[in-house]
Protein backbone atom coordinates (compact mmCIF):
# COMPACT_ATOMS: atom_id res chain seq x y z
CA MET A 1 1.31 15.35 61.33
CA ARG A 2 4.88 16.21 62.57
CA ASN A 3 7.85 13.91 63.29
CA PRO A 4 9.70 13.91 66.50
CA LEU A 5 12.56 15.62 65.34
CA GLN A 6 10.21 18.52 63.98
CA GLU A 7 8.63 18.94 67.40
CA GLN A 8 11.99 18.97 69.37
CA LEU A 9 13.29 21.90 67.14
CA LEU A 10 10.04 23.54 67.20
CA LYS A 11 10.29 23.46 71.08
CA ALA A 12 13.93 24.41 70.98
CA GLY A 13 13.16 27.32 69.14
CA LEU A 14 15.36 26.63 66.18
CA VAL A 15 12.33 26.81 63.56
CA LYS A 16 9.39 28.60 63.22
CA LYS A 17 5.79 26.86 63.02
CA ASP A 18 4.81 28.15 59.66
CA LYS A 19 8.03 26.65 58.45
CA VAL A 20 7.49 23.38 59.90
CA ALA A 21 3.78 23.23 58.54
CA LYS A 22 5.13 24.07 54.92
CA VAL A 23 7.69 20.98 55.16
CA VAL A 24 4.95 18.75 56.23
CA ARG A 25 2.71 19.98 53.35
CA ASP A 26 5.70 19.27 51.00
CA GLN A 27 6.28 15.80 52.67
CA ALA A 28 2.46 14.86 52.26
CA LYS A 29 2.39 16.10 48.44
CA GLN A 30 5.38 13.98 47.99
CA ARG A 31 3.57 10.91 49.40
CA GLN A 32 0.44 11.48 47.34
CA GLY A 33 2.49 11.90 44.04
CA LYS A 34 1.17 15.55 43.46
CA ALA A 35 4.71 17.16 43.39
CA PRO A 36 6.84 16.46 40.01
CA ALA A 37 9.08 13.76 40.56
CA ALA A 38 12.32 13.77 38.32
CA PRO A 39 12.04 10.92 35.83
CA ALA A 40 14.27 7.93 36.68
CA GLU A 41 16.33 6.05 34.16
CA GLU A 42 14.02 3.00 34.36
CA LYS A 43 11.04 5.18 33.43
CA VAL A 44 13.08 6.91 30.53
CA ASP A 45 14.13 3.51 29.17
CA ALA A 46 10.70 2.34 29.50
CA GLN A 47 9.34 5.19 27.76
CA ARG A 48 11.80 4.82 24.93
CA LEU A 49 10.94 0.99 24.64
CA GLN A 50 7.51 1.98 24.59
CA ALA A 51 8.00 4.50 21.55
CA GLU A 52 9.91 1.88 19.59
CA ARG A 53 6.99 -0.63 19.93
CA ALA A 54 4.69 1.99 19.07
CA GLU A 55 6.74 3.05 15.80
CA ARG A 56 7.12 -0.80 15.26
CA ASP A 57 3.62 -1.49 15.53
CA ARG A 58 2.59 1.20 13.13
CA ALA A 59 5.11 0.11 10.53
CA LEU A 60 3.50 -3.38 10.77
CA ALA A 61 -0.18 -2.21 10.40
CA ALA A 62 0.82 -0.06 7.54
CA GLU A 63 2.49 -3.03 5.95
CA ARG A 64 -0.73 -5.24 6.69
CA ASN A 65 -2.73 -2.45 5.48
CA ALA A 66 -0.86 -2.53 2.04
CA GLU A 67 -1.24 -6.37 1.78
CA ALA A 68 -5.00 -6.33 2.14
CA ARG A 69 -5.26 -3.24 -0.37
CA ALA A 70 -3.28 -5.37 -2.81
CA ARG A 71 -5.43 -8.50 -2.09
CA GLU A 72 -8.69 -6.47 -2.36
CA ILE A 73 -7.31 -4.68 -5.73
CA ARG A 74 -6.53 -8.58 -6.99
CA ALA A 75 -9.91 -9.71 -6.16
CA GLN A 76 -11.74 -6.61 -7.94
CA VAL A 77 -9.91 -7.42 -11.02
CA ARG A 78 -10.59 -11.18 -10.89
CA GLN A 79 -14.35 -9.98 -10.57
CA ILE A 80 -13.98 -8.03 -13.40
CA VAL A 81 -12.47 -10.39 -15.55
CA GLU A 82 -14.83 -12.81 -14.70
CA SER A 83 -17.96 -11.10 -15.04
CA SER A 84 -16.91 -9.55 -18.64
CA ARG A 85 -14.90 -11.82 -20.55
CA LEU A 86 -15.95 -12.87 -23.93
CA LYS A 87 -15.97 -16.54 -24.92
CA ARG A 88 -13.47 -17.43 -27.57
CA HIS A 89 -14.61 -19.66 -30.16
CA GLY A 90 -12.47 -19.49 -33.16
CA ASP A 91 -9.61 -21.26 -35.07
CA ILE A 92 -7.39 -18.41 -35.90
CA ALA A 93 -4.48 -18.22 -33.53
CA TYR A 94 -4.07 -14.55 -32.47
CA ARG A 95 -0.52 -14.10 -31.61
CA PHE A 96 0.78 -11.23 -29.43
CA THR A 97 3.97 -10.48 -27.25
CA ASP A 98 3.71 -11.25 -23.35
CA GLY A 99 6.91 -9.84 -21.81
CA ASP A 100 9.67 -11.36 -23.71
CA ARG A 101 7.91 -14.33 -25.34
CA ILE A 102 5.08 -14.94 -27.93
CA SER A 103 1.80 -16.06 -26.80
CA SER A 104 -1.43 -16.84 -28.76
CA VAL A 105 -5.27 -17.05 -28.16
CA LEU A 106 -7.62 -18.62 -30.63
CA VAL A 107 -10.11 -15.98 -31.66
CA ASP A 108 -12.85 -15.79 -34.84
CA ASP A 109 -12.45 -13.27 -37.49
CA GLY A 110 -14.70 -10.87 -35.71
CA GLN A 111 -12.63 -10.90 -32.73
CA ARG A 112 -9.29 -10.70 -34.22
CA THR A 113 -10.77 -7.34 -35.89
CA GLN A 114 -11.96 -5.94 -32.76
CA LEU A 115 -8.51 -6.68 -31.23
CA ALA A 116 -6.73 -5.09 -34.05
CA ALA A 117 -9.10 -2.18 -33.52
CA GLY A 118 -8.61 -1.88 -29.92
CA THR A 119 -12.31 -2.45 -28.64
CA LEU A 120 -11.38 -5.78 -27.17
CA ALA A 121 -8.11 -6.02 -24.88
CA ILE A 122 -6.27 -9.34 -23.76
CA VAL A 123 -5.50 -9.52 -19.85
CA ARG A 124 -3.86 -12.24 -17.95
CA HIS A 125 -6.11 -14.14 -15.76
CA GLY A 126 -4.83 -17.11 -13.61
CA GLU A 127 -2.52 -19.21 -16.08
CA GLY A 128 -3.96 -18.04 -19.15
CA PHE A 129 -5.58 -15.15 -21.08
CA GLU A 130 -8.89 -13.76 -21.44
CA LEU A 131 -10.71 -11.32 -23.91
CA VAL A 132 -12.29 -8.36 -22.23
CA PRO A 133 -14.15 -5.42 -23.95
CA ARG A 134 -12.84 -2.09 -23.86
CA ALA A 135 -14.56 -0.66 -20.61
CA ALA A 136 -13.59 -3.64 -18.49
CA ALA A 137 -9.75 -3.15 -19.79
CA ASP A 138 -10.10 0.46 -18.68
CA LYS A 139 -11.31 -0.57 -15.30
CA ILE A 140 -8.41 -3.18 -15.06
CA HIS A 141 -5.87 -0.77 -16.25
CA LEU A 142 -6.90 1.48 -13.36
CA ARG A 143 -6.40 -1.19 -10.73
CA ALA A 144 -3.38 -3.25 -11.97
CA PRO A 145 -1.79 -2.21 -15.74
CA GLU A 146 0.52 -5.00 -15.33
CA LEU A 147 -2.36 -7.57 -16.10
CA ILE A 148 -3.06 -5.99 -19.36
CA ALA A 149 -1.34 -8.18 -21.86
CA LEU A 150 -2.47 -6.61 -25.33
CA ASP A 151 -4.47 -3.42 -25.60
CA HIS A 152 -4.55 -1.44 -28.96
CA GLY A 153 -6.91 0.90 -27.65
CA ARG A 154 -5.17 2.75 -25.12
CA VAL A 155 -5.89 6.86 -25.34
CA GLU A 156 -2.93 8.70 -26.62
CA GLY A 157 -2.62 10.74 -23.25
CA ASP A 158 -1.24 7.77 -21.52
CA PRO A 159 2.57 7.82 -21.07
CA PRO A 160 4.43 5.79 -23.49
CA PRO A 161 6.17 2.74 -22.26
CA PRO A 162 9.98 3.06 -21.78
CA GLY A 163 12.13 2.26 -24.35
CA ASP A 164 15.49 1.26 -25.85
CA ASP A 165 17.56 3.18 -28.13
CA ASP A 166 16.64 0.36 -30.76
CA ASP A 167 13.15 1.83 -30.44
CA GLU A 168 14.02 4.87 -32.17
CA TYR A 169 15.51 2.90 -35.27
CA TYR A 170 12.67 0.66 -35.51
CA LYS A 171 10.13 3.33 -35.64
CA GLN A 172 10.67 3.66 -39.36
CA PHE A 173 9.45 0.24 -39.96
CA VAL A 174 5.57 0.22 -39.63
CA VAL A 175 3.99 -3.27 -38.82
CA PRO A 176 0.11 -3.54 -38.96
CA ASP A 177 -1.56 -4.65 -35.86
CA ASP A 178 -3.79 -6.92 -37.72
CA LEU A 179 -0.61 -8.93 -39.10
CA THR A 180 -1.51 -12.72 -39.13
CA TRP A 181 1.68 -14.61 -38.18
């Protein structure tokens, strides 16, 4: 389908028939979108915005996944503690350090001995503390080690807690674990 100008140029002999046909084919390709078009600034801006949105969406998805994983770990720890906690029925106050303060739980003589030997551990649960056996304490330590309040039975392969310069000085004064305060 030639336009009138092309017809006139062909009749005047200024262009050849195959040249006109090639131009017609090129124009048809451009109308159908088969020819590569140069990207306009609007398209480049739109692609850039789309890439920024995709990156932001990926970051938000990663954050949501991390929060979901943390909730899942908290639920697992809560379930482990609730299913394996021991009843505390005693009148001996077992004192231990919890961060920068001293806390205590009431235990009987057998539980006090097991705590000192490391077969029982004390974990934070809600607003208080619970006694759990060694196997449960190991499972909790794998998921959330910050919830272990007292554990005398940790394996020697564990890295030592970060210490101060005063720790070296006080190592010469050995305090027994079963000391009743």
